Amino acid sequence: MRNLGLLLLCFLQFCCTSKAQKKFNGVSFVASREEVAQPHVEELIKIYANSASVMPFGFIRDLSSPTIIFDTDRQWFGETRKGAKQYIELLMKNGLEVMVKPQIWIGGGQFTGSIKMESPEDWSVLESSYDKFILNYAELAEETKAPVFCIGTELETFVKNRPEYWQELIAKIRKIYSGKLTYAANWDEYARTPFWNQLDFIGIDAYFPLSESKTPTVEELKQGWQPWKQKISDLALKIKRPVLFTEYGYRSMDFTAKKPWLVDRTEEGVNMDGQSNAKKAIFEEFWNEDWFAGGFVWKWFIEHDRSGGDKDNRFTPQNKPSQSIIANYYKLHGN
């Protein structure tokens, strides 16, 4: 009984702390060739978004290449430090909070979670290169007073093979950046991420498989969430950190919840109902939870009028029925 009482006390303390956390009703604000302008930001305000992730990019040739190329004249404007700063400043001027989320792109679109060096020397080169990349943007996050910084996205093999490096990296970032930290773990990675207690949020890219139906219903999807949700809430309670969906989203296509991580080369038929139902289910399951801090929908392009639409089967909710669903729930859970 004593242990049960202690567990209950810890839970209540955690919930009280979590209630003080605002929900991030966010979008993943995709980098563009162009500067962001006020009309682009006004589209976010229309859907009651209160936050956005800004994603400068670094590039690696292949999975075993140790050098990250970033902040060059050959990149799109929004992928560079100058571009990211311009995006951050205009978003924050409009009252949106920003998560700075530097990401890596590998040649051919290979999965970042599989980055693996072939020698200790190459691992050391990668660590040095990643230091330069991520600390550059930690400095930008501090300079712009962005409230959240993401230290990496879906890098499980790198994390698994070099755990001491990541412990040291977090300490280096803390010396530069005074805001809150997270890491964007893939949906099948987060339970093994070893450093959550050094961060402020448990970050998850929430592409969990929920249903094999062509057009799953909201109730079917909510049922599909139950085993995953239990494991997520258990971790939040154990680590005493709120959960942040650093990415969440579904494509407007058939079987959208079967393998939600599938990228653009998958060409299932357009299905707006599937995307809409999946959005409703994730909002109904998570946005009322005290241990849940919100999330950033994947993905939102700055040129709103030219994005999405009724023939598009990609992730963006823009100009689709799911856009109004997001707006309704973001308005309902606004702060």
C-alpha atoms as a PDB file:
ATOM      1  CA  MET A   1       0.000   0.000   0.000  1.00  0.00           C
ATOM      2  CA  ARG A   2       2.847   2.343   0.820  1.00  0.00           C
ATOM      3  CA  ASN A   3       4.373   1.850  -2.642  1.00  0.00           C
ATOM      4  CA  LEU A   4       0.978   2.374  -4.256  1.00  0.00           C
ATOM      5  CA  GLY A   5       0.523   5.609  -2.342  1.00  0.00           C
ATOM      6  CA  LEU A   6       3.957   6.834  -3.379  1.00  0.00           C
ATOM      7  CA  LEU A   7       3.203   6.035  -7.027  1.00  0.00           C
ATOM      8  CA  LEU A   8      -0.085   7.922  -6.820  1.00  0.00           C
ATOM      9  CA  LEU A   9       1.659  10.940  -5.267  1.00  0.00           C
ATOM     10  CA  CYS A  10       4.235  10.976  -8.064  1.00  0.00           C
ATOM     11  CA  PHE A  11       1.468  10.752 -10.645  1.00  0.00           C
ATOM     12  CA  LEU A  12      -0.443  13.657  -9.098  1.00  0.00           C
ATOM     13  CA  GLN A  13       2.687  15.786  -8.909  1.00  0.00           C
ATOM     14  CA  PHE A  14       3.466  15.023 -12.549  1.00  0.00           C
ATOM     15  CA  CYS A  15      -0.077  15.842 -13.661  1.00  0.00           C
ATOM     16  CA  CYS A  16      -0.086  19.141 -11.788  1.00  0.00           C
ATOM     17  CA  THR A  17       3.187  20.088 -13.463  1.00  0.00           C
ATOM     18  CA  SER A  18       1.909  18.985 -16.873  1.00  0.00           C
ATOM     19  CA  LYS A  19      -1.273  21.045 -16.575  1.00  0.00           C
ATOM     20  CA  ALA A  20       0.892  24.133 -16.411  1.00  0.00           C
ATOM     21  CA  GLN A  21       2.368  23.207 -19.794  1.00  0.00           C
ATOM     22  CA  LYS A  22       0.666  24.851 -22.744  1.00  0.00           C
ATOM     23  CA  LYS A  23      -0.299  22.698 -25.685  1.00  0.00           C
ATOM     24  CA  PHE A  24       1.731  23.238 -28.830  1.00  0.00           C
ATOM     25  CA  ASN A  25      -0.868  23.480 -31.582  1.00  0.00           C
ATOM     26  CA  GLY A  26       1.808  23.475 -34.231  1.00  0.00           C
ATOM     27  CA  VAL A  27       2.711  22.965 -37.863  1.00  0.00           C
ATOM     28  CA  SER A  28       5.949  21.758 -39.441  1.00  0.00           C
ATOM     29  CA  PHE A  29       6.772  24.862 -41.491  1.00  0.00           C
ATOM     30  CA  VAL A  30       8.567  23.584 -44.598  1.00  0.00           C
ATOM     31  CA  ALA A  31      11.639  25.445 -45.847  1.00  0.00           C
ATOM     32  CA  SER A  32      11.209  27.202 -49.185  1.00  0.00           C
ATOM     33  CA  ARG A  33      13.348  28.876 -51.808  1.00  0.00           C
ATOM     34  CA  GLU A  34      11.748  32.163 -50.801  1.00  0.00           C
ATOM     35  CA  GLU A  35      11.542  34.380 -47.754  1.00  0.00           C
ATOM     36  CA  VAL A  36       8.418  33.942 -45.680  1.00  0.00           C
ATOM     37  CA  ALA A  37       5.982  36.872 -45.872  1.00  0.00           C
ATOM     38  CA  GLN A  38       3.139  38.073 -43.676  1.00  0.00           C
ATOM     39  CA  PRO A  39       0.366  36.488 -45.815  1.00  0.00           C
ATOM     40  CA  HIS A  40       2.060  33.098 -45.370  1.00  0.00           C
ATOM     41  CA  VAL A  41       1.939  33.429 -41.596  1.00  0.00           C
ATOM     42  CA  GLU A  42      -1.659  34.644 -41.628  1.00  0.00           C
ATOM     43  CA  GLU A  43      -2.690  31.238 -43.013  1.00  0.00           C
ATOM     44  CA  LEU A  44      -1.357  29.688 -39.795  1.00  0.00           C
ATOM     45  CA  ILE A  45      -3.297  32.147 -37.695  1.00  0.00           C
ATOM     46  CA  LYS A  46      -6.471  31.178 -39.586  1.00  0.00           C
ATOM     47  CA  ILE A  47      -6.120  27.573 -38.363  1.00  0.00           C
ATOM     48  CA  TYR A  48      -5.415  28.781 -34.781  1.00  0.00           C
ATOM     49  CA  ALA A  49      -1.854  27.437 -34.788  1.00  0.00           C
ATOM     50  CA  ASN A  50       0.139  28.845 -31.882  1.00  0.00           C
ATOM     51  CA  SER A  51       3.492  27.354 -32.852  1.00  0.00           C
ATOM     52  CA  ALA A  52       5.616  26.116 -35.736  1.00  0.00           C
ATOM     53  CA  SER A  53       8.760  24.079 -36.211  1.00  0.00           C
ATOM     54  CA  VAL A  54      11.404  25.672 -38.420  1.00  0.00           C
ATOM     55  CA  MET A  55      13.646  23.113 -40.110  1.00  0.00           C
ATOM     56  CA  PRO A  56      17.041  24.131 -41.505  1.00  0.00           C
ATOM     57  CA  PHE A  57      18.775  21.246 -43.273  1.00  0.00           C
ATOM     58  CA  GLY A  58      22.158  19.601 -43.485  1.00  0.00           C
ATOM     59  CA  PHE A  59      23.039  17.070 -46.168  1.00  0.00           C
ATOM     60  CA  ILE A  60      25.004  13.793 -46.117  1.00  0.00           C
ATOM     61  CA  ARG A  61      26.061  11.967 -49.279  1.00  0.00           C
ATOM     62  CA  ASP A  62      25.151   8.469 -48.058  1.00  0.00           C
ATOM     63  CA  LEU A  63      24.593   6.425 -44.903  1.00  0.00           C
ATOM     64  CA  SER A  64      28.301   5.885 -44.263  1.00  0.00           C
ATOM     65  CA  SER A  65      29.486   9.398 -45.098  1.00  0.00           C
ATOM     66  CA  PRO A  66      30.690  11.271 -41.987  1.00  0.00           C
ATOM     67  CA  THR A  67      30.506  14.849 -43.259  1.00  0.00           C
ATOM     68  CA  ILE A  68      27.419  17.067 -42.960  1.00  0.00           C
ATOM     69  CA  ILE A  69      27.197  19.905 -45.474  1.00  0.00           C
ATOM     70  CA  PHE A  70      25.053  22.814 -44.277  1.00  0.00           C
ATOM     71  CA  ASP A  71      24.404  26.542 -44.531  1.00  0.00           C
ATOM     72  CA  THR A  72      25.677  26.888 -48.102  1.00  0.00           C
ATOM     73  CA  ASP A  73      24.725  29.093 -51.045  1.00  0.00           C
ATOM     74  CA  ARG A  74      23.514  25.999 -52.903  1.00  0.00           C
ATOM     75  CA  GLN A  75      20.661  25.375 -50.445  1.00  0.00           C
ATOM     76  CA  TRP A  76      17.182  26.821 -50.486  1.00  0.00           C
ATOM     77  CA  PHE A  77      16.843  30.019 -48.492  1.00  0.00           C
ATOM     78  CA  GLY A  78      14.718  28.454 -45.749  1.00  0.00           C
ATOM     79  CA  GLU A  79      17.229  25.626 -45.263  1.00  0.00           C
ATOM     80  CA  THR A  80      20.043  28.003 -44.268  1.00  0.00           C
ATOM     81  CA  ARG A  81      20.772  29.839 -41.046  1.00  0.00           C
ATOM     82  CA  LYS A  82      19.863  33.182 -42.608  1.00  0.00           C
ATOM     83  CA  GLY A  83      16.596  31.793 -43.895  1.00  0.00           C
ATOM     84  CA  ALA A  84      15.730  30.018 -40.667  1.00  0.00           C
ATOM     85  CA  LYS A  85      16.334  33.251 -38.762  1.00  0.00           C
ATOM     86  CA  GLN A  86      14.011  35.179 -41.078  1.00  0.00           C
ATOM     87  CA  TYR A  87      11.309  32.535 -40.660  1.00  0.00           C
ATOM     88  CA  ILE A  88      11.677  32.423 -36.881  1.00  0.00           C
ATOM     89  CA  GLU A  89      11.570  36.192 -36.457  1.00  0.00           C
ATOM     90  CA  LEU A  90       8.420  36.671 -38.535  1.00  0.00           C
ATOM     91  CA  LEU A  91       6.625  33.750 -36.906  1.00  0.00           C
ATOM     92  CA  MET A  92       7.466  34.991 -33.418  1.00  0.00           C
ATOM     93  CA  LYS A  93       6.519  38.558 -34.367  1.00  0.00           C
ATOM     94  CA  ASN A  94       3.041  37.139 -35.018  1.00  0.00           C
ATOM     95  CA  GLY A  95       2.902  35.488 -31.609  1.00  0.00           C
ATOM     96  CA  LEU A  96       3.753  31.933 -32.684  1.00  0.00           C
ATOM     97  CA  GLU A  97       6.234  29.968 -30.630  1.00  0.00           C
ATOM     98  CA  VAL A  98       8.984  28.227 -32.567  1.00  0.00           C
ATOM     99  CA  MET A  99      10.730  24.904 -32.230  1.00  0.00           C
ATOM    100  CA  VAL A 100      14.041  25.021 -34.099  1.00  0.00           C
ATOM    101  CA  LYS A 101      14.424  21.522 -35.556  1.00  0.00           C
ATOM    102  CA  PRO A 102      17.571  21.053 -37.667  1.00  0.00           C
ATOM    103  CA  GLN A 103      17.335  17.958 -39.838  1.00  0.00           C
ATOM    104  CA  ILE A 104      19.576  15.857 -42.035  1.00  0.00           C
ATOM    105  CA  TRP A 105      18.808  14.737 -45.579  1.00  0.00           C
ATOM    106  CA  ILE A 106      20.714  11.781 -47.001  1.00  0.00           C
ATOM    107  CA  GLY A 107      21.315  11.305 -50.711  1.00  0.00           C
ATOM    108  CA  GLY A 108      18.502   9.354 -52.350  1.00  0.00           C
ATOM    109  CA  GLY A 109      16.197  10.023 -49.404  1.00  0.00           C
ATOM    110  CA  GLN A 110      17.659   7.180 -47.330  1.00  0.00           C
ATOM    111  CA  PHE A 111      16.461   6.832 -43.734  1.00  0.00           C
ATOM    112  CA  THR A 112      18.486   8.867 -41.224  1.00  0.00           C
ATOM    113  CA  GLY A 113      17.950   6.255 -38.532  1.00  0.00           C
ATOM    114  CA  SER A 114      20.312   3.941 -40.438  1.00  0.00           C
ATOM    115  CA  ILE A 115      23.348   6.260 -40.495  1.00  0.00           C
ATOM    116  CA  LYS A 116      26.309   4.107 -39.506  1.00  0.00           C
ATOM    117  CA  MET A 117      30.027   4.700 -39.872  1.00  0.00           C
ATOM    118  CA  GLU A 118      32.457   1.996 -40.928  1.00  0.00           C
ATOM    119  CA  SER A 119      35.324   2.876 -38.578  1.00  0.00           C
ATOM    120  CA  PRO A 120      35.984   4.630 -35.234  1.00  0.00           C
ATOM    121  CA  GLU A 121      37.735   7.371 -37.177  1.00  0.00           C
ATOM    122  CA  ASP A 122      34.633   8.032 -39.294  1.00  0.00           C
ATOM    123  CA  TRP A 123      32.444   8.082 -36.176  1.00  0.00           C
ATOM    124  CA  SER A 124      34.726  10.782 -34.749  1.00  0.00           C
ATOM    125  CA  VAL A 125      34.493  12.794 -37.970  1.00  0.00           C
ATOM    126  CA  LEU A 126      30.691  12.499 -37.895  1.00  0.00           C
ATOM    127  CA  GLU A 127      30.567  13.638 -34.274  1.00  0.00           C
ATOM    128  CA  SER A 128      32.707  16.667 -35.022  1.00  0.00           C
ATOM    129  CA  SER A 129      30.591  17.492 -38.077  1.00  0.00           C
ATOM    130  CA  TYR A 130      27.326  17.053 -36.177  1.00  0.00           C
ATOM    131  CA  ASP A 131      28.656  19.302 -33.402  1.00  0.00           C
ATOM    132  CA  LYS A 132      29.246  22.110 -35.888  1.00  0.00           C
ATOM    133  CA  PHE A 133      25.832  21.589 -37.484  1.00  0.00           C
ATOM    134  CA  ILE A 134      23.690  21.352 -34.362  1.00  0.00           C
ATOM    135  CA  LEU A 135      25.546  23.927 -32.222  1.00  0.00           C
ATOM    136  CA  ASN A 136      25.276  26.438 -35.060  1.00  0.00           C
ATOM    137  CA  TYR A 137      21.503  26.182 -34.840  1.00  0.00           C
ATOM    138  CA  ALA A 138      21.471  26.044 -31.044  1.00  0.00           C
ATOM    139  CA  GLU A 139      23.193  29.448 -31.195  1.00  0.00           C
ATOM    140  CA  LEU A 140      20.483  30.661 -33.601  1.00  0.00           C
ATOM    141  CA  ALA A 141      17.737  29.371 -31.289  1.00  0.00           C
ATOM    142  CA  GLU A 142      19.279  31.286 -28.404  1.00  0.00           C
ATOM    143  CA  GLU A 143      19.803  34.410 -30.497  1.00  0.00           C
ATOM    144  CA  THR A 144      16.152  34.457 -31.581  1.00  0.00           C
ATOM    145  CA  LYS A 145      14.831  33.319 -28.161  1.00  0.00           C
ATOM    146  CA  ALA A 146      13.019  30.383 -29.732  1.00  0.00           C
ATOM    147  CA  PRO A 147      11.442  28.486 -26.803  1.00  0.00           C
ATOM    148  CA  VAL A 148      12.206  24.913 -27.976  1.00  0.00           C
ATOM    149  CA  PHE A 149      15.228  23.343 -29.657  1.00  0.00           C
ATOM    150  CA  CYS A 150      15.285  19.821 -31.112  1.00  0.00           C
ATOM    151  CA  ILE A 151      18.734  18.225 -30.867  1.00  0.00           C
ATOM    152  CA  GLY A 152      18.185  15.658 -33.627  1.00  0.00           C
ATOM    153  CA  THR A 153      15.605  13.836 -35.723  1.00  0.00           C
ATOM    154  CA  GLU A 154      15.313  10.055 -36.145  1.00  0.00           C
ATOM    155  CA  LEU A 155      18.980   9.147 -35.606  1.00  0.00           C
ATOM    156  CA  GLU A 156      18.600   5.862 -33.728  1.00  0.00           C
ATOM    157  CA  THR A 157      21.717   4.041 -34.974  1.00  0.00           C
ATOM    158  CA  PHE A 158      23.868   7.119 -34.312  1.00  0.00           C
ATOM    159  CA  VAL A 159      22.418   7.360 -30.798  1.00  0.00           C
ATOM    160  CA  LYS A 160      22.768   3.624 -30.135  1.00  0.00           C
ATOM    161  CA  ASN A 161      26.392   3.421 -31.250  1.00  0.00           C
ATOM    162  CA  ARG A 162      27.639   6.654 -29.654  1.00  0.00           C
ATOM    163  CA  PRO A 163      25.722   7.150 -26.376  1.00  0.00           C
ATOM    164  CA  GLU A 164      28.525   9.052 -24.616  1.00  0.00           C
ATOM    165  CA  TYR A 165      28.700  11.517 -27.480  1.00  0.00           C
ATOM    166  CA  TRP A 166      25.002  12.379 -27.100  1.00  0.00           C
ATOM    167  CA  GLN A 167      25.347  12.880 -23.359  1.00  0.00           C
ATOM    168  CA  GLU A 168      28.212  15.306 -23.983  1.00  0.00           C
ATOM    169  CA  LEU A 169      26.359  17.025 -26.837  1.00  0.00           C
ATOM    170  CA  ILE A 170      23.365  17.797 -24.619  1.00  0.00           C
ATOM    171  CA  ALA A 171      25.698  19.401 -22.071  1.00  0.00           C
ATOM    172  CA  LYS A 172      27.301  21.518 -24.827  1.00  0.00           C
ATOM    173  CA  ILE A 173      23.877  22.654 -26.059  1.00  0.00           C
ATOM    174  CA  ARG A 174      22.796  23.584 -22.509  1.00  0.00           C
ATOM    175  CA  LYS A 175      25.801  25.944 -22.295  1.00  0.00           C
ATOM    176  CA  ILE A 176      24.678  27.748 -25.438  1.00  0.00           C
ATOM    177  CA  TYR A 177      20.892  27.567 -25.315  1.00  0.00           C
ATOM    178  CA  SER A 178      18.648  28.482 -22.374  1.00  0.00           C
ATOM    179  CA  GLY A 179      15.288  27.196 -23.661  1.00  0.00           C
ATOM    180  CA  LYS A 180      13.690  23.754 -23.571  1.00  0.00           C
ATOM    181  CA  LEU A 181      15.171  20.745 -25.336  1.00  0.00           C
ATOM    182  CA  THR A 182      13.711  17.715 -27.080  1.00  0.00           C
ATOM    183  CA  TYR A 183      14.760  15.041 -29.544  1.00  0.00           C
ATOM    184  CA  ALA A 184      12.527  13.765 -32.368  1.00  0.00           C
ATOM    185  CA  ALA A 185      12.584   9.986 -31.952  1.00  0.00           C
ATOM    186  CA  ASN A 186      10.938   7.844 -34.594  1.00  0.00           C
ATOM    187  CA  TRP A 187       7.745   6.055 -33.499  1.00  0.00           C
ATOM    188  CA  ASP A 188       9.607   2.724 -33.162  1.00  0.00           C
ATOM    189  CA  GLU A 189      12.685   4.309 -31.517  1.00  0.00           C
ATOM    190  CA  TYR A 190      11.462   6.459 -28.642  1.00  0.00           C
ATOM    191  CA  ALA A 191      11.225   3.630 -26.067  1.00  0.00           C
ATOM    192  CA  ARG A 192      14.971   2.975 -26.463  1.00  0.00           C
ATOM    193  CA  THR A 193      16.163   6.580 -26.465  1.00  0.00           C
ATOM    194  CA  PRO A 194      18.546   6.757 -23.478  1.00  0.00           C
ATOM    195  CA  PHE A 195      18.664  10.452 -22.598  1.00  0.00           C
ATOM    196  CA  TRP A 196      15.055  11.586 -22.031  1.00  0.00           C
ATOM    197  CA  ASN A 197      15.818  12.541 -18.430  1.00  0.00           C
ATOM    198  CA  GLN A 198      18.322  15.115 -19.719  1.00  0.00           C
ATOM    199  CA  LEU A 199      15.717  16.800 -21.923  1.00  0.00           C
ATOM    200  CA  ASP A 200      12.496  18.717 -21.257  1.00  0.00           C
ATOM    201  CA  PHE A 201      10.134  16.835 -23.588  1.00  0.00           C
ATOM    202  CA  ILE A 202       9.891  13.251 -24.807  1.00  0.00           C
ATOM    203  CA  GLY A 203       9.750  13.948 -28.531  1.00  0.00           C
ATOM    204  CA  ILE A 204       8.089  11.438 -30.859  1.00  0.00           C
ATOM    205  CA  ASP A 205       7.524  11.473 -34.607  1.00  0.00           C
ATOM    206  CA  ALA A 206       4.158   9.782 -34.211  1.00  0.00           C
ATOM    207  CA  TYR A 207       3.755   7.600 -37.297  1.00  0.00           C
ATOM    208  CA  PHE A 208       2.353   4.604 -35.428  1.00  0.00           C
ATOM    209  CA  PRO A 209       0.531   1.918 -37.451  1.00  0.00           C
ATOM    210  CA  LEU A 210      -3.113   1.924 -36.377  1.00  0.00           C
ATOM    211  CA  SER A 211      -5.289   0.168 -38.950  1.00  0.00           C
ATOM    212  CA  GLU A 212      -5.109  -1.882 -42.138  1.00  0.00           C
ATOM    213  CA  SER A 213      -8.445  -0.591 -43.421  1.00  0.00           C
ATOM    214  CA  LYS A 214      -8.690   1.328 -46.669  1.00  0.00           C
ATOM    215  CA  THR A 215     -10.743   4.024 -44.953  1.00  0.00           C
ATOM    216  CA  PRO A 216     -10.519   3.474 -41.186  1.00  0.00           C
ATOM    217  CA  THR A 217     -13.223   4.972 -38.988  1.00  0.00           C
ATOM    218  CA  VAL A 218     -12.466   7.294 -36.096  1.00  0.00           C
ATOM    219  CA  GLU A 219     -13.441   4.619 -33.579  1.00  0.00           C
ATOM    220  CA  GLU A 220     -11.270   2.017 -35.297  1.00  0.00           C
ATOM    221  CA  LEU A 221      -8.327   4.393 -35.201  1.00  0.00           C
ATOM    222  CA  LYS A 222      -8.880   5.280 -31.567  1.00  0.00           C
ATOM    223  CA  GLN A 223      -8.903   1.572 -30.764  1.00  0.00           C
ATOM    224  CA  GLY A 224      -5.692   1.188 -32.719  1.00  0.00           C
ATOM    225  CA  TRP A 225      -4.076   3.878 -30.588  1.00  0.00           C
ATOM    226  CA  GLN A 226      -4.717   2.123 -27.265  1.00  0.00           C
ATOM    227  CA  PRO A 227      -1.642  -0.128 -26.949  1.00  0.00           C
ATOM    228  CA  TRP A 228       0.665   2.602 -28.202  1.00  0.00           C
ATOM    229  CA  LYS A 229      -0.917   5.258 -26.009  1.00  0.00           C
ATOM    230  CA  GLN A 230      -0.515   3.125 -22.895  1.00  0.00           C
ATOM    231  CA  LYS A 231       3.200   2.663 -23.552  1.00  0.00           C
ATOM    232  CA  ILE A 232       3.678   6.375 -24.237  1.00  0.00           C
ATOM    233  CA  SER A 233       1.862   7.450 -21.071  1.00  0.00           C
ATOM    234  CA  ASP A 234       3.789   4.876 -19.024  1.00  0.00           C
ATOM    235  CA  LEU A 235       7.078   6.367 -20.228  1.00  0.00           C
ATOM    236  CA  ALA A 236       5.897   9.913 -19.527  1.00  0.00           C
ATOM    237  CA  LEU A 237       5.036   8.918 -15.962  1.00  0.00           C
ATOM    238  CA  LYS A 238       8.288   7.014 -15.465  1.00  0.00           C
ATOM    239  CA  ILE A 239      10.565   9.762 -16.828  1.00  0.00           C
ATOM    240  CA  LYS A 240       8.369  12.591 -15.506  1.00  0.00           C
ATOM    241  CA  ARG A 241       8.506  14.457 -18.799  1.00  0.00           C
ATOM    242  CA  PRO A 242       5.599  15.566 -21.013  1.00  0.00           C
ATOM    243  CA  VAL A 243       5.302  14.035 -24.469  1.00  0.00           C
ATOM    244  CA  LEU A 244       5.572  16.227 -27.550  1.00  0.00           C
ATOM    245  CA  PHE A 245       4.678  14.913 -30.992  1.00  0.00           C
ATOM    246  CA  THR A 246       7.568  16.546 -32.855  1.00  0.00           C
ATOM    247  CA  GLU A 247       5.815  15.366 -36.011  1.00  0.00           C
ATOM    248  CA  TYR A 248       2.375  13.870 -36.562  1.00  0.00           C
ATOM    249  CA  GLY A 249       0.335  13.452 -39.691  1.00  0.00           C
ATOM    250  CA  TYR A 250      -1.287  11.208 -42.263  1.00  0.00           C
ATOM    251  CA  ARG A 251      -1.427  11.211 -46.013  1.00  0.00           C
ATOM    252  CA  SER A 252      -4.735  11.794 -47.775  1.00  0.00           C
ATOM    253  CA  MET A 253      -4.653   8.352 -49.351  1.00  0.00           C
ATOM    254  CA  ASP A 254      -6.087   4.845 -49.061  1.00  0.00           C
ATOM    255  CA  PHE A 255      -4.696   2.818 -46.132  1.00  0.00           C
ATOM    256  CA  THR A 256      -3.291   5.988 -44.570  1.00  0.00           C
ATOM    257  CA  ALA A 257      -2.979   4.465 -41.086  1.00  0.00           C
ATOM    258  CA  LYS A 258      -1.442   1.146 -42.144  1.00  0.00           C
ATOM    259  CA  LYS A 259       2.095   2.503 -42.565  1.00  0.00           C
ATOM    260  CA  PRO A 260       1.793   6.228 -41.844  1.00  0.00           C
ATOM    261  CA  TRP A 261       5.521   6.806 -42.311  1.00  0.00           C
ATOM    262  CA  LEU A 262       5.437   6.030 -46.036  1.00  0.00           C
ATOM    263  CA  VAL A 263       6.902   8.845 -48.111  1.00  0.00           C
ATOM    264  CA  ASP A 264       5.829  10.478 -51.346  1.00  0.00           C
ATOM    265  CA  ARG A 265       6.797   7.684 -53.741  1.00  0.00           C
ATOM    266  CA  THR A 266       3.886   5.593 -52.442  1.00  0.00           C
ATOM    267  CA  GLU A 267       0.978   6.204 -54.804  1.00  0.00           C
ATOM    268  CA  GLU A 268      -2.228   4.918 -53.223  1.00  0.00           C
ATOM    269  CA  GLY A 269      -5.497   6.526 -54.295  1.00  0.00           C
ATOM    270  CA  VAL A 270      -6.587   9.886 -52.900  1.00  0.00           C
ATOM    271  CA  ASN A 271      -8.697   9.460 -49.766  1.00  0.00           C
ATOM    272  CA  MET A 272      -9.659  12.557 -47.827  1.00  0.00           C
ATOM    273  CA  ASP A 273     -11.873  10.690 -45.353  1.00  0.00           C
ATOM    274  CA  GLY A 274      -8.998   8.528 -44.169  1.00  0.00           C
ATOM    275  CA  GLN A 275      -6.814  11.547 -43.452  1.00  0.00           C
ATOM    276  CA  SER A 276      -9.668  13.391 -41.743  1.00  0.00           C
ATOM    277  CA  ASN A 277     -10.595  10.437 -39.545  1.00  0.00           C
ATOM    278  CA  ALA A 278      -6.982   9.919 -38.520  1.00  0.00           C
ATOM    279  CA  LYS A 279      -6.693  13.568 -37.521  1.00  0.00           C
ATOM    280  CA  LYS A 280      -9.878  13.374 -35.447  1.00  0.00           C
ATOM    281  CA  ALA A 281      -8.673  10.243 -33.688  1.00  0.00           C
ATOM    282  CA  ILE A 282      -5.285  11.629 -32.708  1.00  0.00           C
ATOM    283  CA  PHE A 283      -6.844  14.819 -31.354  1.00  0.00           C
ATOM    284  CA  GLU A 284      -9.495  12.959 -29.381  1.00  0.00           C
ATOM    285  CA  GLU A 285      -6.963  10.532 -27.914  1.00  0.00           C
ATOM    286  CA  PHE A 286      -4.167  12.921 -26.950  1.00  0.00           C
ATOM    287  CA  TRP A 287      -5.028  16.602 -26.743  1.00  0.00           C
ATOM    288  CA  ASN A 288      -6.962  16.246 -23.466  1.00  0.00           C
ATOM    289  CA  GLU A 289      -4.186  14.338 -21.700  1.00  0.00           C
ATOM    290  CA  ASP A 290      -2.300  16.207 -18.969  1.00  0.00           C
ATOM    291  CA  TRP A 291       0.984  14.478 -19.826  1.00  0.00           C
ATOM    292  CA  PHE A 292       0.724  15.488 -23.483  1.00  0.00           C
ATOM    293  CA  ALA A 293       2.256  18.777 -24.640  1.00  0.00           C
ATOM    294  CA  GLY A 294       0.854  18.969 -28.181  1.00  0.00           C
ATOM    295  CA  GLY A 295       2.447  18.515 -31.574  1.00  0.00           C
ATOM    296  CA  PHE A 296       3.469  19.777 -34.996  1.00  0.00           C
ATOM    297  CA  VAL A 297       1.454  18.546 -37.964  1.00  0.00           C
ATOM    298  CA  TRP A 298       3.463  17.283 -40.934  1.00  0.00           C
ATOM    299  CA  LYS A 299       3.630  19.313 -43.088  1.00  0.00           C
ATOM    300  CA  TRP A 300       2.759  22.906 -44.038  1.00  0.00           C
ATOM    301  CA  PHE A 301       4.090  24.751 -47.098  1.00  0.00           C
ATOM    302  CA  ILE A 302       4.454  28.521 -47.058  1.00  0.00           C
ATOM    303  CA  GLU A 303       2.720  28.948 -50.450  1.00  0.00           C
ATOM    304  CA  HIS A 304      -0.682  27.953 -49.116  1.00  0.00           C
ATOM    305  CA  ASP A 305      -2.750  28.627 -52.243  1.00  0.00           C
ATOM    306  CA  ARG A 306      -0.584  26.276 -54.309  1.00  0.00           C
ATOM    307  CA  SER A 307      -0.408  23.468 -51.732  1.00  0.00           C
ATOM    308  CA  GLY A 308      -2.487  20.350 -51.188  1.00  0.00           C
ATOM    309  CA  GLY A 309      -5.946  20.334 -52.715  1.00  0.00           C
ATOM    310  CA  ASP A 310      -8.489  17.677 -53.583  1.00  0.00           C
ATOM    311  CA  LYS A 311      -6.209  15.712 -55.940  1.00  0.00           C
ATOM    312  CA  ASP A 312      -3.229  15.577 -53.603  1.00  0.00           C
ATOM    313  CA  ASN A 313      -2.445  12.357 -51.695  1.00  0.00           C
ATOM    314  CA  ARG A 314       0.529  13.721 -49.705  1.00  0.00           C
ATOM    315  CA  PHE A 315       0.830  14.613 -46.041  1.00  0.00           C
ATOM    316  CA  THR A 316      -0.131  18.270 -46.099  1.00  0.00           C
ATOM    317  CA  PRO A 317      -3.659  19.056 -44.822  1.00  0.00           C
ATOM    318  CA  GLN A 318      -3.715  22.311 -46.790  1.00  0.00           C
ATOM    319  CA  ASN A 319      -6.857  22.971 -48.824  1.00  0.00           C
ATOM    320  CA  LYS A 320      -8.308  19.624 -47.744  1.00  0.00           C
ATOM    321  CA  PRO A 321     -11.105  18.708 -45.311  1.00  0.00           C
ATOM    322  CA  SER A 322      -8.546  17.890 -42.621  1.00  0.00           C
ATOM    323  CA  GLN A 323      -7.434  21.526 -42.574  1.00  0.00           C
ATOM    324  CA  SER A 324     -10.740  22.565 -41.007  1.00  0.00           C
ATOM    325  CA  ILE A 325     -10.503  19.667 -38.538  1.00  0.00           C
ATOM    326  CA  ILE A 326      -7.119  20.945 -37.386  1.00  0.00           C
ATOM    327  CA  ALA A 327      -8.486  24.470 -37.116  1.00  0.00           C
ATOM    328  CA  ASN A 328     -11.447  23.313 -35.009  1.00  0.00           C
ATOM    329  CA  TYR A 329      -9.315  21.326 -32.568  1.00  0.00           C
ATOM    330  CA  TYR A 330      -6.595  23.965 -32.354  1.00  0.00           C
ATOM    331  CA  LYS A 331      -9.239  26.557 -31.591  1.00  0.00           C
ATOM    332  CA  LEU A 332     -10.777  24.276 -28.964  1.00  0.00           C
ATOM    333  CA  HIS A 333      -7.406  23.653 -27.294  1.00  0.00           C
ATOM    334  CA  GLY A 334      -6.021  27.158 -27.738  1.00  0.00           C
ATOM    335  CA  ASN A 335      -4.107  28.870 -24.971  1.00  0.00           C
END
